[in-house]
Amino acid sequence: MLKRSFIHISGVGAKRELSIWRAGVESWEDFIQKGKTLLPRAVYNLGLPMVKRSLEALAAPGGLDELAGMLPPAEHWRFWPQYDRVAYLDIETGGDPAEWGGITMVGIYDGETVQQYVAEDNLHELDQAMRGCDIVCTFAGSTFDIPVLKSVFGNLYVPPVHIDLRWVLKRVGYSGGLKRIEKTLGIQRPDEVDGLSGLDAVRLWAAYQAGDETALATLKQYNAWDVLSLKPLLELAVNQLKERILGRLS
């Protein structure tokens, strides 16, 4: 979907983007090669510099930062899977606000391995873990996880593309919290953490602080499932939204 995107051209919204596709211009290359004859003059003249800039950024090392700034955040789902180095991220809070801003744990899943960064242990290594990723994928992270992390880590590297699945999933009909959506889609968590919530995560951290090592193990398992489920949800949400949008062509 990335190279089919024209929504970052001034004056182009969802309806006009659809009209561009219907005119036979279905990629940035099409726009340059055929846009002058197939599109209204105003759309072509406004769009040509932006499309050329988009292709140049796509080809340039480090060009993702520029591209990410061109597309509206609500449309960042279009970057996947063109860019596939994803950090699926979730944080747990409820600790001492004077220590790491109350963050107790950050889980990052790269599609293969879950790494967890725990207060009083290795949370300071978080920045390095984020480097090398093009996309950060969260659930409701645009209003919670990322702002909290930025408030604690002033120079934290955050990938230029952020896909907040809460809003992408809502666009294809799945509303509510992460656990509710998982159950709707048949994603089953292990019995040990099934039914646990953010309040339980706070309780588990308090129990660990009081000396219960098993509470930390449970908290880690809970956090791991918060990030593991993001990958299949990203695939589902992007594929369904893409099908819904492109389905309008017919």
C-alpha atoms as a PDB file:
ATOM      1  CA  MET A   1       0.000   0.000   0.000  1.00  0.00           C
ATOM      2  CA  LEU A   2       2.864   2.427   0.568  1.00  0.00           C
ATOM      3  CA  LYS A   3       3.620   3.083  -3.106  1.00  0.00           C
ATOM      4  CA  ARG A   4      -0.108   3.290  -3.859  1.00  0.00           C
ATOM      5  CA  SER A   5      -0.499   6.083  -1.317  1.00  0.00           C
ATOM      6  CA  PHE A   6      -1.415   9.540  -2.560  1.00  0.00           C
ATOM      7  CA  ILE A   7      -3.093  10.693   0.632  1.00  0.00           C
ATOM      8  CA  HIS A   8      -0.029  12.759   1.535  1.00  0.00           C
ATOM      9  CA  ILE A   9      -0.580  15.049  -1.462  1.00  0.00           C
ATOM     10  CA  SER A  10      -2.138  18.377  -0.508  1.00  0.00           C
ATOM     11  CA  GLY A  11      -5.895  18.286  -1.060  1.00  0.00           C
ATOM     12  CA  VAL A  12      -6.051  14.491  -1.461  1.00  0.00           C
ATOM     13  CA  GLY A  13      -8.234  12.600   0.990  1.00  0.00           C
ATOM     14  CA  ALA A  14      -9.633   9.078   0.871  1.00  0.00           C
ATOM     15  CA  LYS A  15     -12.162   9.849  -1.884  1.00  0.00           C
ATOM     16  CA  ARG A  16      -9.735  11.631  -4.159  1.00  0.00           C
ATOM     17  CA  GLU A  17      -7.114   8.934  -3.624  1.00  0.00           C
ATOM     18  CA  LEU A  18      -9.703   6.400  -4.772  1.00  0.00           C
ATOM     19  CA  SER A  19     -10.418   8.503  -7.852  1.00  0.00           C
ATOM     20  CA  ILE A  20      -6.699   8.534  -8.681  1.00  0.00           C
ATOM     21  CA  TRP A  21      -6.610   4.730  -8.574  1.00  0.00           C
ATOM     22  CA  ARG A  22      -9.774   4.514 -10.677  1.00  0.00           C
ATOM     23  CA  ALA A  23      -8.152   6.723 -13.289  1.00  0.00           C
ATOM     24  CA  GLY A  24      -5.484   4.038 -13.743  1.00  0.00           C
ATOM     25  CA  VAL A  25      -2.763   5.551 -11.569  1.00  0.00           C
ATOM     26  CA  GLU A  26      -2.004   2.863  -8.986  1.00  0.00           C
ATOM     27  CA  SER A  27       1.564   3.585  -7.917  1.00  0.00           C
ATOM     28  CA  TRP A  28       4.054   6.418  -7.573  1.00  0.00           C
ATOM     29  CA  GLU A  29       5.695   5.263 -10.803  1.00  0.00           C
ATOM     30  CA  ASP A  30       2.310   5.365 -12.558  1.00  0.00           C
ATOM     31  CA  PHE A  31       1.810   8.913 -11.337  1.00  0.00           C
ATOM     32  CA  ILE A  32       5.043  10.073 -12.948  1.00  0.00           C
ATOM     33  CA  GLN A  33       4.602   8.097 -16.175  1.00  0.00           C
ATOM     34  CA  LYS A  34       0.858   8.452 -16.784  1.00  0.00           C
ATOM     35  CA  GLY A  35      -0.476  11.051 -14.395  1.00  0.00           C
ATOM     36  CA  LYS A  36      -0.198  13.967 -16.785  1.00  0.00           C
ATOM     37  CA  THR A  37      -2.645  12.388 -19.228  1.00  0.00           C
ATOM     38  CA  LEU A  38      -4.930  10.529 -16.797  1.00  0.00           C
ATOM     39  CA  LEU A  39      -5.411  12.983 -13.930  1.00  0.00           C
ATOM     40  CA  PRO A  40      -6.852  16.481 -13.537  1.00  0.00           C
ATOM     41  CA  ARG A  41      -4.149  19.075 -14.107  1.00  0.00           C
ATOM     42  CA  ALA A  42      -4.383  20.475 -10.565  1.00  0.00           C
ATOM     43  CA  VAL A  43      -3.961  17.050  -8.960  1.00  0.00           C
ATOM     44  CA  TYR A  44      -1.020  16.208 -11.198  1.00  0.00           C
ATOM     45  CA  ASN A  45       0.747  19.533 -10.684  1.00  0.00           C
ATOM     46  CA  LEU A  46       0.320  19.426  -6.913  1.00  0.00           C
ATOM     47  CA  GLY A  47       1.204  15.774  -6.651  1.00  0.00           C
ATOM     48  CA  LEU A  48       4.227  15.463  -8.904  1.00  0.00           C
ATOM     49  CA  PRO A  49       6.792  17.081  -6.557  1.00  0.00           C
ATOM     50  CA  MET A  50       5.489  15.054  -3.597  1.00  0.00           C
ATOM     51  CA  VAL A  51       5.519  11.768  -5.517  1.00  0.00           C
ATOM     52  CA  LYS A  52       9.053  12.370  -6.783  1.00  0.00           C
ATOM     53  CA  ARG A  53      10.153  13.240  -3.261  1.00  0.00           C
ATOM     54  CA  SER A  54       8.488  10.052  -1.968  1.00  0.00           C
ATOM     55  CA  LEU A  55      10.349   7.824  -4.421  1.00  0.00           C
ATOM     56  CA  GLU A  56      13.637   9.534  -3.632  1.00  0.00           C
ATOM     57  CA  ALA A  57      13.095   9.047   0.112  1.00  0.00           C
ATOM     58  CA  LEU A  58      12.129   5.406  -0.415  1.00  0.00           C
ATOM     59  CA  ALA A  59      15.403   4.760  -2.230  1.00  0.00           C
ATOM     60  CA  ALA A  60      17.644   6.807   0.063  1.00  0.00           C
ATOM     61  CA  PRO A  61      19.426   5.401   3.131  1.00  0.00           C
ATOM     62  CA  GLY A  62      17.651   6.920   6.098  1.00  0.00           C
ATOM     63  CA  GLY A  63      14.812   8.118   3.900  1.00  0.00           C
ATOM     64  CA  LEU A  64      12.203   6.459   6.089  1.00  0.00           C
ATOM     65  CA  ASP A  65      12.318   9.360   8.526  1.00  0.00           C
ATOM     66  CA  GLU A  66      11.286  11.725   5.766  1.00  0.00           C
ATOM     67  CA  LEU A  67       8.596   9.382   4.430  1.00  0.00           C
ATOM     68  CA  ALA A  68       7.137   8.853   7.892  1.00  0.00           C
ATOM     69  CA  GLY A  69       6.812  12.595   8.313  1.00  0.00           C
ATOM     70  CA  MET A  70       4.982  12.900   5.014  1.00  0.00           C
ATOM     71  CA  LEU A  71       2.177  10.431   5.707  1.00  0.00           C
ATOM     72  CA  PRO A  72      -0.385  11.155   8.447  1.00  0.00           C
ATOM     73  CA  PRO A  73       0.195   9.023  11.584  1.00  0.00           C
ATOM     74  CA  ALA A  74      -3.223   7.388  11.109  1.00  0.00           C
ATOM     75  CA  GLU A  75      -1.939   6.024   7.789  1.00  0.00           C
ATOM     76  CA  HIS A  76       1.340   4.603   9.070  1.00  0.00           C
ATOM     77  CA  TRP A  77      -0.108   1.098   8.717  1.00  0.00           C
ATOM     78  CA  ARG A  78       0.670   1.505   5.002  1.00  0.00           C
ATOM     79  CA  PHE A  79       4.405   1.163   5.684  1.00  0.00           C
ATOM     80  CA  TRP A  80       4.034  -2.521   6.584  1.00  0.00           C
ATOM     81  CA  PRO A  81       5.168  -4.875   5.094  1.00  0.00           C
ATOM     82  CA  GLN A  82       7.233  -2.628   2.776  1.00  0.00           C
ATOM     83  CA  TYR A  83       9.273  -2.120   5.936  1.00  0.00           C
ATOM     84  CA  ASP A  84       9.280  -5.257   8.072  1.00  0.00           C
ATOM     85  CA  ARG A  85      11.711  -4.610  10.921  1.00  0.00           C
ATOM     86  CA  VAL A  86       9.096  -4.168  13.630  1.00  0.00           C
ATOM     87  CA  ALA A  87       9.376  -3.711  17.396  1.00  0.00           C
ATOM     88  CA  TYR A  88       6.116  -4.932  18.923  1.00  0.00           C
ATOM     89  CA  LEU A  89       6.141  -3.068  22.223  1.00  0.00           C
ATOM     90  CA  ASP A  90       4.204  -2.905  25.480  1.00  0.00           C
ATOM     91  CA  ILE A  91       5.042  -1.379  28.847  1.00  0.00           C
ATOM     92  CA  GLU A  92       3.898  -2.187  32.370  1.00  0.00           C
ATOM     93  CA  THR A  93       3.612   0.520  35.013  1.00  0.00           C
ATOM     94  CA  GLY A  94       2.668   0.828  38.661  1.00  0.00           C
ATOM     95  CA  GLY A  95       6.085   1.081  40.224  1.00  0.00           C
ATOM     96  CA  ASP A  96       7.598   3.914  42.228  1.00  0.00           C
ATOM     97  CA  PRO A  97       7.091   7.132  40.193  1.00  0.00           C
ATOM     98  CA  ALA A  98      10.514   8.275  41.401  1.00  0.00           C
ATOM     99  CA  GLU A  99      12.104   5.238  39.732  1.00  0.00           C
ATOM    100  CA  TRP A 100      11.881   5.118  35.930  1.00  0.00           C
ATOM    101  CA  GLY A 101       8.647   7.118  36.079  1.00  0.00           C
ATOM    102  CA  GLY A 102       6.796   4.134  37.482  1.00  0.00           C
ATOM    103  CA  ILE A 103       7.686   1.849  34.550  1.00  0.00           C
ATOM    104  CA  THR A 104       8.235  -1.683  35.792  1.00  0.00           C
ATOM    105  CA  MET A 105       8.816  -3.561  32.549  1.00  0.00           C
ATOM    106  CA  VAL A 106       9.043  -3.069  28.798  1.00  0.00           C
ATOM    107  CA  GLY A 107       8.554  -6.005  26.450  1.00  0.00           C
ATOM    108  CA  ILE A 108       9.768  -5.961  22.845  1.00  0.00           C
ATOM    109  CA  TYR A 109       9.051  -8.694  20.315  1.00  0.00           C
ATOM    110  CA  ASP A 110      10.914  -8.582  17.014  1.00  0.00           C
ATOM    111  CA  GLY A 111       8.816 -11.286  15.381  1.00  0.00           C
ATOM    112  CA  GLU A 112      11.081 -14.048  16.628  1.00  0.00           C
ATOM    113  CA  THR A 113      12.208 -13.330  20.181  1.00  0.00           C
ATOM    114  CA  VAL A 114      10.735 -11.510  23.173  1.00  0.00           C
ATOM    115  CA  GLN A 115      13.153  -9.345  25.124  1.00  0.00           C
ATOM    116  CA  GLN A 116      12.099  -7.792  28.415  1.00  0.00           C
ATOM    117  CA  TYR A 117      13.614  -4.835  30.196  1.00  0.00           C
ATOM    118  CA  VAL A 118      12.912  -4.665  33.910  1.00  0.00           C
ATOM    119  CA  ALA A 119      13.250  -1.816  36.394  1.00  0.00           C
ATOM    120  CA  GLU A 120      16.128  -2.368  38.834  1.00  0.00           C
ATOM    121  CA  ASP A 121      17.746  -4.707  36.297  1.00  0.00           C
ATOM    122  CA  ASN A 122      18.244  -3.872  32.609  1.00  0.00           C
ATOM    123  CA  LEU A 123      15.703  -1.167  31.768  1.00  0.00           C
ATOM    124  CA  HIS A 124      18.582   1.160  30.899  1.00  0.00           C
ATOM    125  CA  GLU A 125      19.314  -1.056  27.854  1.00  0.00           C
ATOM    126  CA  LEU A 126      15.977  -0.215  26.213  1.00  0.00           C
ATOM    127  CA  ASP A 127      17.314   2.423  23.829  1.00  0.00           C
ATOM    128  CA  GLN A 128      19.742   0.004  22.204  1.00  0.00           C
ATOM    129  CA  ALA A 129      16.985  -2.568  21.790  1.00  0.00           C
ATOM    130  CA  MET A 130      14.881  -0.136  19.769  1.00  0.00           C
ATOM    131  CA  ARG A 131      17.642   0.711  17.307  1.00  0.00           C
ATOM    132  CA  GLY A 132      17.603  -1.137  14.028  1.00  0.00           C
ATOM    133  CA  CYS A 133      13.798  -1.183  13.861  1.00  0.00           C
ATOM    134  CA  ASP A 134      11.832   0.764  11.272  1.00  0.00           C
ATOM    135  CA  ILE A 135       8.415   0.420  12.897  1.00  0.00           C
ATOM    136  CA  VAL A 136       7.144   0.345  16.459  1.00  0.00           C
ATOM    137  CA  CYS A 137       3.789  -1.395  16.834  1.00  0.00           C
ATOM    138  CA  THR A 138       1.674  -0.936  19.967  1.00  0.00           C
ATOM    139  CA  PHE A 139      -1.888  -1.158  21.180  1.00  0.00           C
ATOM    140  CA  ALA A 140      -2.990   2.307  22.370  1.00  0.00           C
ATOM    141  CA  GLY A 141       0.678   3.238  22.548  1.00  0.00           C
ATOM    142  CA  SER A 142       0.241   6.637  20.924  1.00  0.00           C
ATOM    143  CA  THR A 143      -1.572   7.879  24.028  1.00  0.00           C
ATOM    144  CA  PHE A 144       0.217   5.829  26.692  1.00  0.00           C
ATOM    145  CA  ASP A 145       3.302   3.683  26.062  1.00  0.00           C
ATOM    146  CA  ILE A 146       5.296   6.009  23.812  1.00  0.00           C
ATOM    147  CA  PRO A 147       4.570   9.280  25.711  1.00  0.00           C
ATOM    148  CA  VAL A 148       5.436   7.576  29.011  1.00  0.00           C
ATOM    149  CA  LEU A 149       8.695   6.219  27.610  1.00  0.00           C
ATOM    150  CA  LYS A 150       9.646   9.587  26.123  1.00  0.00           C
ATOM    151  CA  SER A 151       8.972  11.302  29.452  1.00  0.00           C
ATOM    152  CA  VAL A 152      11.411   8.956  31.178  1.00  0.00           C
ATOM    153  CA  PHE A 153      14.053   8.503  28.474  1.00  0.00           C
ATOM    154  CA  GLY A 154      14.725  11.934  27.046  1.00  0.00           C
ATOM    155  CA  ASN A 155      16.893  10.674  24.178  1.00  0.00           C
ATOM    156  CA  LEU A 156      15.127   7.372  23.553  1.00  0.00           C
ATOM    157  CA  TYR A 157      15.279   6.195  19.955  1.00  0.00           C
ATOM    158  CA  VAL A 158      11.759   5.583  18.677  1.00  0.00           C
ATOM    159  CA  PRO A 159      11.358   4.160  15.155  1.00  0.00           C
ATOM    160  CA  PRO A 160      10.003   6.774  12.714  1.00  0.00           C
ATOM    161  CA  VAL A 161       6.865   4.738  11.924  1.00  0.00           C
ATOM    162  CA  HIS A 162       4.390   4.034  14.726  1.00  0.00           C
ATOM    163  CA  ILE A 163       1.417   1.768  14.064  1.00  0.00           C
ATOM    164  CA  ASP A 164      -1.113   2.018  16.883  1.00  0.00           C
ATOM    165  CA  LEU A 165      -3.237  -1.081  16.408  1.00  0.00           C
ATOM    166  CA  ARG A 166      -6.066   0.149  18.577  1.00  0.00           C
ATOM    167  CA  TRP A 167      -7.127   2.574  15.862  1.00  0.00           C
ATOM    168  CA  VAL A 168      -6.297   0.396  12.869  1.00  0.00           C
ATOM    169  CA  LEU A 169      -8.362  -2.446  14.319  1.00  0.00           C
ATOM    170  CA  LYS A 170     -11.222  -0.059  15.061  1.00  0.00           C
ATOM    171  CA  ARG A 171     -11.329   0.904  11.376  1.00  0.00           C
ATOM    172  CA  VAL A 172     -12.053  -2.728  10.477  1.00  0.00           C
ATOM    173  CA  GLY A 173     -14.659  -3.235  13.187  1.00  0.00           C
ATOM    174  CA  TYR A 174     -12.764  -4.445  16.265  1.00  0.00           C
ATOM    175  CA  SER A 175     -13.248  -2.142  19.260  1.00  0.00           C
ATOM    176  CA  GLY A 176     -12.373  -2.383  22.930  1.00  0.00           C
ATOM    177  CA  GLY A 177      -9.284  -3.448  24.796  1.00  0.00           C
ATOM    178  CA  LEU A 178      -6.565  -5.784  23.612  1.00  0.00           C
ATOM    179  CA  LYS A 179      -7.787  -8.814  25.577  1.00  0.00           C
ATOM    180  CA  ARG A 180     -11.350  -8.384  24.352  1.00  0.00           C
ATOM    181  CA  ILE A 181     -10.210  -8.244  20.729  1.00  0.00           C
ATOM    182  CA  GLU A 182      -7.987 -11.295  21.233  1.00  0.00           C
ATOM    183  CA  LYS A 183     -10.940 -13.308  22.486  1.00  0.00           C
ATOM    184  CA  THR A 184     -13.118 -12.115  19.602  1.00  0.00           C
ATOM    185  CA  LEU A 185     -10.481 -13.383  17.184  1.00  0.00           C
ATOM    186  CA  GLY A 186      -9.822 -16.632  19.030  1.00  0.00           C
ATOM    187  CA  ILE A 187      -6.360 -15.745  20.359  1.00  0.00           C
ATOM    188  CA  GLN A 188      -6.027 -17.752  23.565  1.00  0.00           C
ATOM    189  CA  ARG A 189      -3.549 -16.882  26.296  1.00  0.00           C
ATOM    190  CA  PRO A 190      -2.095 -19.566  28.610  1.00  0.00           C
ATOM    191  CA  ASP A 191      -4.169 -20.354  31.690  1.00  0.00           C
ATOM    192  CA  GLU A 192      -1.516 -18.797  33.952  1.00  0.00           C
ATOM    193  CA  VAL A 193      -2.148 -15.319  32.563  1.00  0.00           C
ATOM    194  CA  ASP A 194      -5.579 -15.625  30.961  1.00  0.00           C
ATOM    195  CA  GLY A 195      -7.880 -13.026  32.469  1.00  0.00           C
ATOM    196  CA  LEU A 196      -5.122 -10.898  33.992  1.00  0.00           C
ATOM    197  CA  SER A 197      -5.298  -7.141  33.467  1.00  0.00           C
ATOM    198  CA  GLY A 198      -3.182  -4.052  33.948  1.00  0.00           C
ATOM    199  CA  LEU A 199      -4.300  -3.904  37.580  1.00  0.00           C
ATOM    200  CA  ASP A 200      -2.972  -7.411  38.072  1.00  0.00           C
ATOM    201  CA  ALA A 201       0.334  -6.291  36.577  1.00  0.00           C
ATOM    202  CA  VAL A 202       0.563  -3.617  39.284  1.00  0.00           C
ATOM    203  CA  ARG A 203      -0.287  -6.196  41.952  1.00  0.00           C
ATOM    204  CA  LEU A 204       2.296  -8.651  40.641  1.00  0.00           C
ATOM    205  CA  TRP A 205       5.027  -6.018  40.706  1.00  0.00           C
ATOM    206  CA  ALA A 206       4.147  -5.120  44.287  1.00  0.00           C
ATOM    207  CA  ALA A 207       4.305  -8.804  45.233  1.00  0.00           C
ATOM    208  CA  TYR A 208       7.707  -9.105  43.576  1.00  0.00           C
ATOM    209  CA  GLN A 209       8.937  -6.042  45.465  1.00  0.00           C
ATOM    210  CA  ALA A 210       7.820  -7.778  48.631  1.00  0.00           C
ATOM    211  CA  GLY A 211      10.017 -10.772  47.808  1.00  0.00           C
ATOM    212  CA  ASP A 212       7.839 -13.047  45.677  1.00  0.00           C
ATOM    213  CA  GLU A 213      10.038 -14.113  42.746  1.00  0.00           C
ATOM    214  CA  THR A 214       7.211 -16.140  41.178  1.00  0.00           C
ATOM    215  CA  ALA A 215       5.220 -12.906  40.824  1.00  0.00           C
ATOM    216  CA  LEU A 216       7.921 -11.506  38.518  1.00  0.00           C
ATOM    217  CA  ALA A 217       7.827 -14.651  36.400  1.00  0.00           C
ATOM    218  CA  THR A 218       4.057 -14.312  36.021  1.00  0.00           C
ATOM    219  CA  LEU A 219       4.374 -10.626  35.185  1.00  0.00           C
ATOM    220  CA  LYS A 220       6.927 -11.448  32.501  1.00  0.00           C
ATOM    221  CA  GLN A 221       4.608 -14.038  30.981  1.00  0.00           C
ATOM    222  CA  TYR A 222       1.720 -11.578  31.029  1.00  0.00           C
ATOM    223  CA  ASN A 223       3.829  -8.891  29.369  1.00  0.00           C
ATOM    224  CA  ALA A 224       5.160 -11.348  26.788  1.00  0.00           C
ATOM    225  CA  TRP A 225       1.635 -12.137  25.618  1.00  0.00           C
ATOM    226  CA  ASP A 226       0.865  -8.432  25.374  1.00  0.00           C
ATOM    227  CA  VAL A 227       3.516  -8.200  22.639  1.00  0.00           C
ATOM    228  CA  LEU A 228       3.210 -11.660  21.067  1.00  0.00           C
ATOM    229  CA  SER A 229      -0.391 -11.073  20.039  1.00  0.00           C
ATOM    230  CA  LEU A 230       0.459  -7.800  18.287  1.00  0.00           C
ATOM    231  CA  LYS A 231       2.080  -9.505  15.305  1.00  0.00           C
ATOM    232  CA  PRO A 232      -0.967 -11.543  14.176  1.00  0.00           C
ATOM    233  CA  LEU A 233      -3.204  -8.564  14.933  1.00  0.00           C
ATOM    234  CA  LEU A 234      -1.054  -6.316  12.733  1.00  0.00           C
ATOM    235  CA  GLU A 235      -1.256  -8.803   9.865  1.00  0.00           C
ATOM    236  CA  LEU A 236      -5.019  -9.131  10.231  1.00  0.00           C
ATOM    237  CA  ALA A 237      -5.702  -5.407  10.598  1.00  0.00           C
ATOM    238  CA  VAL A 238      -3.539  -4.309   7.674  1.00  0.00           C
ATOM    239  CA  ASN A 239      -4.808  -7.026   5.346  1.00  0.00           C
ATOM    240  CA  GLN A 240      -8.468  -6.344   6.177  1.00  0.00           C
ATOM    241  CA  LEU A 241      -8.093  -2.579   5.903  1.00  0.00           C
ATOM    242  CA  LYS A 242      -6.248  -2.907   2.604  1.00  0.00           C
ATOM    243  CA  GLU A 243      -8.961  -5.205   1.241  1.00  0.00           C
ATOM    244  CA  ARG A 244     -11.684  -2.815   2.406  1.00  0.00           C
ATOM    245  CA  ILE A 245     -10.073   0.221   0.801  1.00  0.00           C
ATOM    246  CA  LEU A 246      -9.083  -1.456  -2.470  1.00  0.00           C
ATOM    247  CA  GLY A 247     -12.419  -3.235  -2.607  1.00  0.00           C
ATOM    248  CA  ARG A 248     -14.014   0.120  -3.343  1.00  0.00           C
ATOM    249  CA  LEU A 249     -12.326   0.066  -6.736  1.00  0.00           C
ATOM    250  CA  SER A 250     -14.904  -2.467  -7.904  1.00  0.00           C
END
